[in-house]
Amino acid sequence: MEFSQILLYVFIALIAFYIIKKIIQYRAVKHYSASEVYEIIKKDRNKLLLDVRTPTERKADQIKGSLHIPLYDLKKRVSELNKFKDKEIICYCRTGNRSLTAASILKKNGFSSANLKGGMIRWNLLRK
């Protein structure tokens, strides 16, 4: 077997691993549509919205009343959320991918967490 073939197989294995990991993450986390989150935050005060986007993204647009911890800081700042252990934390980002990762991190740390499916893109479509 040639080196290029080995490299190709390794590359394919890495892609397969990434896809399987995302599928497992997706199934392990609860997902809400933008309209469900809109109704939830109107009625249920036992939920917290967590924006995991970058500070630049947050400055451009945000969901009123949400807390901001960028995904790249979440692991080292997760203790800041301990006071919200009794609430479900609904994570959001631009498209729902980073927030899925954030919800998984929170779940592994003992939090009740969920993901805003479609992120701010879906949220902003709902508001139009």
N, C-alpha and C. Protein backbone atom coordinates (compact mmCIF):
# COMPACT_ATOMS: atom_id res chain seq x y z
N MET A 1 0.85 -1.18 0.00
CA MET A 1 0.00 0.00 0.00
C MET A 1 0.90 1.24 0.00
N GLU A 2 0.55 2.17 -0.83
CA GLU A 2 1.33 3.40 -0.94
C GLU A 2 0.99 4.38 0.17
N PHE A 3 1.93 5.27 0.42
CA PHE A 3 1.75 6.28 1.47
C PHE A 3 0.52 7.15 1.21
N SER A 4 0.29 7.50 -0.04
CA SER A 4 -0.87 8.35 -0.36
C SER A 4 -2.19 7.64 -0.05
N GLN A 5 -2.22 6.32 -0.25
CA GLN A 5 -3.43 5.56 0.09
C GLN A 5 -3.64 5.53 1.60
N ILE A 6 -2.58 5.33 2.33
CA ILE A 6 -2.67 5.33 3.80
C ILE A 6 -3.17 6.68 4.28
N LEU A 7 -2.63 7.74 3.72
CA LEU A 7 -3.05 9.09 4.09
C LEU A 7 -4.52 9.30 3.78
N LEU A 8 -4.97 8.81 2.64
CA LEU A 8 -6.38 8.92 2.27
C LEU A 8 -7.27 8.17 3.26
N TYR A 9 -6.89 6.97 3.64
CA TYR A 9 -7.67 6.19 4.60
C TYR A 9 -7.72 6.85 5.97
N VAL A 10 -6.61 7.42 6.38
CA VAL A 10 -6.57 8.14 7.67
C VAL A 10 -7.51 9.34 7.61
N PHE A 11 -7.47 10.06 6.50
CA PHE A 11 -8.34 11.22 6.32
C PHE A 11 -9.82 10.81 6.35
N ILE A 12 -10.15 9.75 5.66
CA ILE A 12 -11.54 9.26 5.66
C ILE A 12 -11.96 8.82 7.06
N ALA A 13 -11.06 8.16 7.78
CA ALA A 13 -11.37 7.72 9.15
C ALA A 13 -11.60 8.92 10.07
N LEU A 14 -10.83 9.96 9.90
CA LEU A 14 -11.01 11.17 10.72
C LEU A 14 -12.35 11.84 10.44
N ILE A 15 -12.72 11.90 9.18
CA ILE A 15 -14.01 12.49 8.82
C ILE A 15 -15.15 11.65 9.39
N ALA A 16 -15.04 10.33 9.26
CA ALA A 16 -16.07 9.44 9.81
C ALA A 16 -16.18 9.61 11.32
N PHE A 17 -15.04 9.69 11.99
CA PHE A 17 -15.04 9.90 13.45
C PHE A 17 -15.74 11.20 13.82
N TYR A 18 -15.45 12.28 13.10
CA TYR A 18 -16.07 13.58 13.37
C TYR A 18 -17.58 13.51 13.17
N ILE A 19 -18.02 12.88 12.09
CA ILE A 19 -19.46 12.77 11.81
C ILE A 19 -20.16 11.94 12.88
N ILE A 20 -19.58 10.83 13.26
CA ILE A 20 -20.17 9.98 14.30
C ILE A 20 -20.24 10.72 15.62
N LYS A 21 -19.19 11.46 15.95
CA LYS A 21 -19.17 12.25 17.19
C LYS A 21 -20.30 13.28 17.20
N LYS A 22 -20.51 13.97 16.08
CA LYS A 22 -21.58 14.97 15.99
C LYS A 22 -22.96 14.33 16.11
N ILE A 23 -23.13 13.16 15.51
CA ILE A 23 -24.42 12.45 15.60
C ILE A 23 -24.71 12.07 17.04
N ILE A 24 -23.69 11.56 17.73
CA ILE A 24 -23.85 11.19 19.15
C ILE A 24 -24.17 12.42 19.99
N GLN A 25 -23.44 13.52 19.75
CA GLN A 25 -23.73 14.77 20.47
C GLN A 25 -25.16 15.21 20.22
N TYR A 26 -25.58 15.19 18.97
CA TYR A 26 -26.91 15.65 18.60
C TYR A 26 -28.00 14.86 19.31
N ARG A 27 -27.83 13.56 19.37
CA ARG A 27 -28.83 12.70 20.00
C ARG A 27 -28.85 12.84 21.51
N ALA A 28 -27.73 13.24 22.10
CA ALA A 28 -27.63 13.32 23.56
C ALA A 28 -28.20 14.62 24.13
N VAL A 29 -28.47 15.58 23.27
CA VAL A 29 -28.90 16.91 23.71
C VAL A 29 -30.32 17.19 23.24
N LYS A 30 -31.07 17.87 24.09
CA LYS A 30 -32.43 18.30 23.73
C LYS A 30 -32.32 19.50 22.79
N HIS A 31 -33.21 19.56 21.80
CA HIS A 31 -33.20 20.65 20.82
C HIS A 31 -34.54 21.36 20.82
N TYR A 32 -34.47 22.69 20.76
CA TYR A 32 -35.68 23.51 20.66
C TYR A 32 -35.62 24.31 19.37
N SER A 33 -36.77 24.48 18.74
CA SER A 33 -36.86 25.37 17.58
C SER A 33 -36.90 26.81 18.09
N ALA A 34 -36.71 27.75 17.20
CA ALA A 34 -36.76 29.16 17.58
C ALA A 34 -38.12 29.54 18.15
N SER A 35 -39.19 29.03 17.56
CA SER A 35 -40.53 29.36 18.06
C SER A 35 -40.77 28.76 19.44
N GLU A 36 -40.23 27.56 19.69
CA GLU A 36 -40.35 26.96 21.02
C GLU A 36 -39.60 27.78 22.06
N VAL A 37 -38.40 28.23 21.72
CA VAL A 37 -37.62 29.05 22.66
C VAL A 37 -38.33 30.37 22.92
N TYR A 38 -38.90 30.96 21.89
CA TYR A 38 -39.64 32.20 22.05
C TYR A 38 -40.78 32.04 23.06
N GLU A 39 -41.53 30.96 22.92
CA GLU A 39 -42.63 30.69 23.86
C GLU A 39 -42.11 30.36 25.26
N ILE A 40 -41.04 29.62 25.33
CA ILE A 40 -40.46 29.24 26.62
C ILE A 40 -40.03 30.46 27.40
N ILE A 41 -39.32 31.39 26.76
CA ILE A 41 -38.81 32.54 27.51
C ILE A 41 -39.91 33.53 27.87
N LYS A 42 -41.04 33.47 27.16
CA LYS A 42 -42.18 34.30 27.55
C LYS A 42 -42.84 33.78 28.82
N LYS A 43 -42.85 32.45 29.00
CA LYS A 43 -43.62 31.84 30.08
C LYS A 43 -42.80 31.27 31.22
N ASP A 44 -41.62 30.72 30.93
CA ASP A 44 -40.88 29.93 31.91
C ASP A 44 -39.61 30.65 32.35
N ARG A 45 -39.59 31.10 33.57
CA ARG A 45 -38.43 31.81 34.12
C ARG A 45 -37.36 30.85 34.63
N ASN A 46 -37.60 29.56 34.53
CA ASN A 46 -36.63 28.58 35.01
C ASN A 46 -35.71 28.10 33.88
N LYS A 47 -35.52 28.96 32.89
CA LYS A 47 -34.62 28.68 31.76
C LYS A 47 -33.61 29.83 31.66
N LEU A 48 -32.43 29.50 31.18
CA LEU A 48 -31.39 30.50 30.95
C LEU A 48 -30.91 30.35 29.52
N LEU A 49 -30.83 31.46 28.80
CA LEU A 49 -30.27 31.43 27.46
C LEU A 49 -28.79 31.79 27.55
N LEU A 50 -27.95 30.96 26.91
CA LEU A 50 -26.51 31.17 26.93
C LEU A 50 -26.01 31.35 25.51
N ASP A 51 -25.49 32.53 25.24
CA ASP A 51 -24.91 32.88 23.94
C ASP A 51 -23.45 32.44 23.95
N VAL A 52 -23.08 31.53 23.05
CA VAL A 52 -21.71 31.01 23.02
C VAL A 52 -20.95 31.54 21.80
N ARG A 53 -21.45 32.59 21.18
CA ARG A 53 -20.78 33.19 20.03
C ARG A 53 -19.63 34.08 20.48
N THR A 54 -18.91 34.62 19.53
CA THR A 54 -17.80 35.53 19.83
C THR A 54 -18.35 36.88 20.29
N PRO A 55 -17.54 37.68 20.99
CA PRO A 55 -18.00 39.02 21.40
C PRO A 55 -18.44 39.88 20.20
N THR A 56 -17.76 39.77 19.08
CA THR A 56 -18.13 40.54 17.89
C THR A 56 -19.52 40.15 17.40
N GLU A 57 -19.80 38.86 17.37
CA GLU A 57 -21.13 38.40 16.94
C GLU A 57 -22.20 38.90 17.91
N ARG A 58 -21.89 38.87 19.19
CA ARG A 58 -22.86 39.29 20.20
C ARG A 58 -23.18 40.77 20.08
N LYS A 59 -22.17 41.59 19.78
CA LYS A 59 -22.40 43.03 19.63
C LYS A 59 -23.37 43.31 18.50
N ALA A 60 -23.32 42.49 17.46
CA ALA A 60 -24.19 42.71 16.30
C ALA A 60 -25.64 42.38 16.59
N ASP A 61 -25.89 41.37 17.43
CA ASP A 61 -27.25 40.91 17.68
C ASP A 61 -27.24 39.93 18.84
N GLN A 62 -28.29 39.95 19.64
CA GLN A 62 -28.39 39.00 20.75
C GLN A 62 -29.85 38.83 21.16
N ILE A 63 -30.09 37.78 21.92
CA ILE A 63 -31.42 37.56 22.47
C ILE A 63 -31.45 38.24 23.83
N LYS A 64 -32.41 39.12 24.01
CA LYS A 64 -32.52 39.91 25.23
C LYS A 64 -32.57 39.00 26.47
N GLY A 65 -31.76 39.35 27.47
CA GLY A 65 -31.75 38.62 28.73
C GLY A 65 -30.80 37.43 28.76
N SER A 66 -30.11 37.18 27.65
CA SER A 66 -29.20 36.03 27.61
C SER A 66 -27.86 36.36 28.26
N LEU A 67 -27.20 35.32 28.70
CA LEU A 67 -25.86 35.41 29.28
C LEU A 67 -24.87 35.10 28.18
N HIS A 68 -23.66 35.67 28.26
CA HIS A 68 -22.67 35.46 27.20
C HIS A 68 -21.39 34.84 27.75
N ILE A 69 -21.08 33.66 27.26
CA ILE A 69 -19.78 33.02 27.50
C ILE A 69 -19.39 32.37 26.17
N PRO A 70 -18.39 32.92 25.48
CA PRO A 70 -17.99 32.32 24.20
C PRO A 70 -17.60 30.85 24.38
N LEU A 71 -17.86 30.07 23.36
CA LEU A 71 -17.56 28.64 23.42
C LEU A 71 -16.10 28.39 23.78
N TYR A 72 -15.19 29.19 23.22
CA TYR A 72 -13.77 28.98 23.49
C TYR A 72 -13.40 29.24 24.95
N ASP A 73 -14.26 29.88 25.73
CA ASP A 73 -14.03 30.13 27.16
C ASP A 73 -14.85 29.23 28.07
N LEU A 74 -15.79 28.50 27.51
CA LEU A 74 -16.79 27.80 28.33
C LEU A 74 -16.18 26.81 29.32
N LYS A 75 -15.25 25.99 28.89
CA LYS A 75 -14.69 24.97 29.79
C LYS A 75 -14.03 25.60 31.02
N LYS A 76 -13.33 26.70 30.83
CA LYS A 76 -12.66 27.32 31.98
C LYS A 76 -13.59 28.24 32.78
N ARG A 77 -14.76 28.57 32.23
CA ARG A 77 -15.69 29.45 32.95
C ARG A 77 -16.98 28.75 33.38
N VAL A 78 -17.04 27.43 33.21
CA VAL A 78 -18.27 26.69 33.51
C VAL A 78 -18.71 26.89 34.96
N SER A 79 -17.78 27.12 35.86
CA SER A 79 -18.14 27.31 37.28
C SER A 79 -19.01 28.56 37.49
N GLU A 80 -18.93 29.52 36.58
CA GLU A 80 -19.77 30.72 36.68
C GLU A 80 -21.25 30.38 36.54
N LEU A 81 -21.54 29.22 35.98
CA LEU A 81 -22.92 28.82 35.77
C LEU A 81 -23.49 27.98 36.90
N ASN A 82 -22.68 27.70 37.92
CA ASN A 82 -23.14 26.85 39.03
C ASN A 82 -24.39 27.39 39.70
N LYS A 83 -24.54 28.71 39.74
CA LYS A 83 -25.73 29.29 40.37
C LYS A 83 -27.01 29.03 39.55
N PHE A 84 -26.83 28.50 38.34
CA PHE A 84 -27.97 28.19 37.48
C PHE A 84 -28.20 26.68 37.34
N LYS A 85 -27.65 25.88 38.27
CA LYS A 85 -27.79 24.42 38.20
C LYS A 85 -29.25 23.98 38.23
N ASP A 86 -30.11 24.79 38.83
CA ASP A 86 -31.53 24.43 38.93
C ASP A 86 -32.33 24.81 37.67
N LYS A 87 -31.66 25.45 36.70
CA LYS A 87 -32.34 25.88 35.48
C LYS A 87 -31.85 25.08 34.28
N GLU A 88 -32.71 24.97 33.29
CA GLU A 88 -32.25 24.42 32.02
C GLU A 88 -31.55 25.55 31.28
N ILE A 89 -30.37 25.27 30.76
CA ILE A 89 -29.59 26.26 30.02
C ILE A 89 -29.72 25.94 28.52
N ILE A 90 -30.31 26.88 27.79
CA ILE A 90 -30.48 26.72 26.36
C ILE A 90 -29.38 27.52 25.67
N CYS A 91 -28.49 26.80 25.01
CA CYS A 91 -27.35 27.42 24.35
C CYS A 91 -27.71 27.83 22.93
N TYR A 92 -27.12 28.96 22.49
CA TYR A 92 -27.32 29.35 21.10
C TYR A 92 -26.06 29.98 20.52
N CYS A 93 -25.94 29.88 19.21
CA CYS A 93 -24.84 30.49 18.46
C CYS A 93 -25.44 31.01 17.15
N ARG A 94 -24.65 31.08 16.12
CA ARG A 94 -25.16 31.57 14.84
C ARG A 94 -26.02 30.54 14.13
N THR A 95 -25.55 29.27 14.09
CA THR A 95 -26.26 28.25 13.31
C THR A 95 -26.73 27.06 14.13
N GLY A 96 -26.24 26.91 15.35
CA GLY A 96 -26.62 25.77 16.18
C GLY A 96 -25.52 24.74 16.34
N ASN A 97 -24.40 24.90 15.67
CA ASN A 97 -23.31 23.94 15.75
C ASN A 97 -22.47 24.14 17.01
N ARG A 98 -22.00 25.35 17.24
CA ARG A 98 -21.21 25.62 18.45
C ARG A 98 -22.06 25.44 19.70
N SER A 99 -23.32 25.82 19.61
CA SER A 99 -24.19 25.67 20.78
C SER A 99 -24.46 24.21 21.10
N LEU A 100 -24.45 23.35 20.10
CA LEU A 100 -24.56 21.91 20.34
C LEU A 100 -23.36 21.43 21.15
N THR A 101 -22.18 21.88 20.78
CA THR A 101 -20.97 21.54 21.52
C THR A 101 -21.06 22.08 22.94
N ALA A 102 -21.51 23.31 23.10
CA ALA A 102 -21.65 23.92 24.42
C ALA A 102 -22.64 23.15 25.29
N ALA A 103 -23.77 22.79 24.72
CA ALA A 103 -24.77 22.02 25.48
C ALA A 103 -24.20 20.68 25.93
N SER A 104 -23.39 20.06 25.08
CA SER A 104 -22.75 18.79 25.44
C SER A 104 -21.76 18.98 26.59
N ILE A 105 -20.98 20.05 26.53
CA ILE A 105 -20.03 20.35 27.61
C ILE A 105 -20.78 20.55 28.92
N LEU A 106 -21.86 21.32 28.88
CA LEU A 106 -22.64 21.58 30.09
C LEU A 106 -23.25 20.29 30.63
N LYS A 107 -23.77 19.47 29.74
CA LYS A 107 -24.37 18.21 30.17
C LYS A 107 -23.33 17.33 30.88
N LYS A 108 -22.12 17.27 30.33
CA LYS A 108 -21.04 16.49 30.95
C LYS A 108 -20.65 17.05 32.32
N ASN A 109 -20.94 18.33 32.55
CA ASN A 109 -20.64 18.96 33.83
C ASN A 109 -21.83 19.00 34.77
N GLY A 110 -22.87 18.22 34.47
CA GLY A 110 -23.99 18.08 35.38
C GLY A 110 -25.12 19.07 35.23
N PHE A 111 -25.12 19.84 34.16
CA PHE A 111 -26.18 20.82 33.94
C PHE A 111 -27.29 20.22 33.07
N SER A 112 -28.47 20.78 33.22
CA SER A 112 -29.55 20.48 32.30
C SER A 112 -29.40 21.46 31.15
N SER A 113 -29.13 20.96 29.95
CA SER A 113 -28.84 21.86 28.84
C SER A 113 -29.58 21.46 27.58
N ALA A 114 -29.71 22.43 26.69
CA ALA A 114 -30.39 22.22 25.42
C ALA A 114 -29.77 23.12 24.37
N ASN A 115 -30.19 22.93 23.14
CA ASN A 115 -29.64 23.66 22.00
C ASN A 115 -30.76 24.37 21.25
N LEU A 116 -30.51 25.62 20.86
CA LEU A 116 -31.43 26.33 19.97
C LEU A 116 -31.11 25.90 18.54
N LYS A 117 -31.95 25.06 17.99
CA LYS A 117 -31.74 24.50 16.65
C LYS A 117 -31.79 25.62 15.61
N GLY A 118 -30.71 25.74 14.84
CA GLY A 118 -30.66 26.77 13.81
C GLY A 118 -30.11 28.09 14.29
N GLY A 119 -29.91 28.23 15.59
CA GLY A 119 -29.27 29.41 16.17
C GLY A 119 -29.93 30.73 15.85
N MET A 120 -29.09 31.77 15.82
CA MET A 120 -29.59 33.13 15.59
C MET A 120 -30.18 33.29 14.19
N ILE A 121 -29.72 32.48 13.25
CA ILE A 121 -30.30 32.57 11.90
C ILE A 121 -31.79 32.25 11.96
N ARG A 122 -32.15 31.17 12.63
CA ARG A 122 -33.58 30.80 12.77
C ARG A 122 -34.32 31.80 13.66
N TRP A 123 -33.65 32.26 14.72
CA TRP A 123 -34.26 33.21 15.64
C TRP A 123 -34.64 34.49 14.89
N ASN A 124 -33.72 35.00 14.08
CA ASN A 124 -33.98 36.23 13.35
C ASN A 124 -35.04 36.04 12.28
N LEU A 125 -35.15 34.86 11.69
CA LEU A 125 -36.23 34.58 10.73
C LEU A 125 -37.58 34.63 11.43
N LEU A 126 -37.60 34.16 12.68
CA LEU A 126 -38.84 34.15 13.45
C LEU A 126 -39.30 35.57 13.76
N ARG A 127 -38.37 36.47 14.01
CA ARG A 127 -38.70 37.84 14.39
C ARG A 127 -39.18 38.69 13.22
N LYS A 128 -38.95 38.25 11.99
CA LYS A 128 -39.36 39.06 10.81
C LYS A 128 -40.84 39.01 10.58
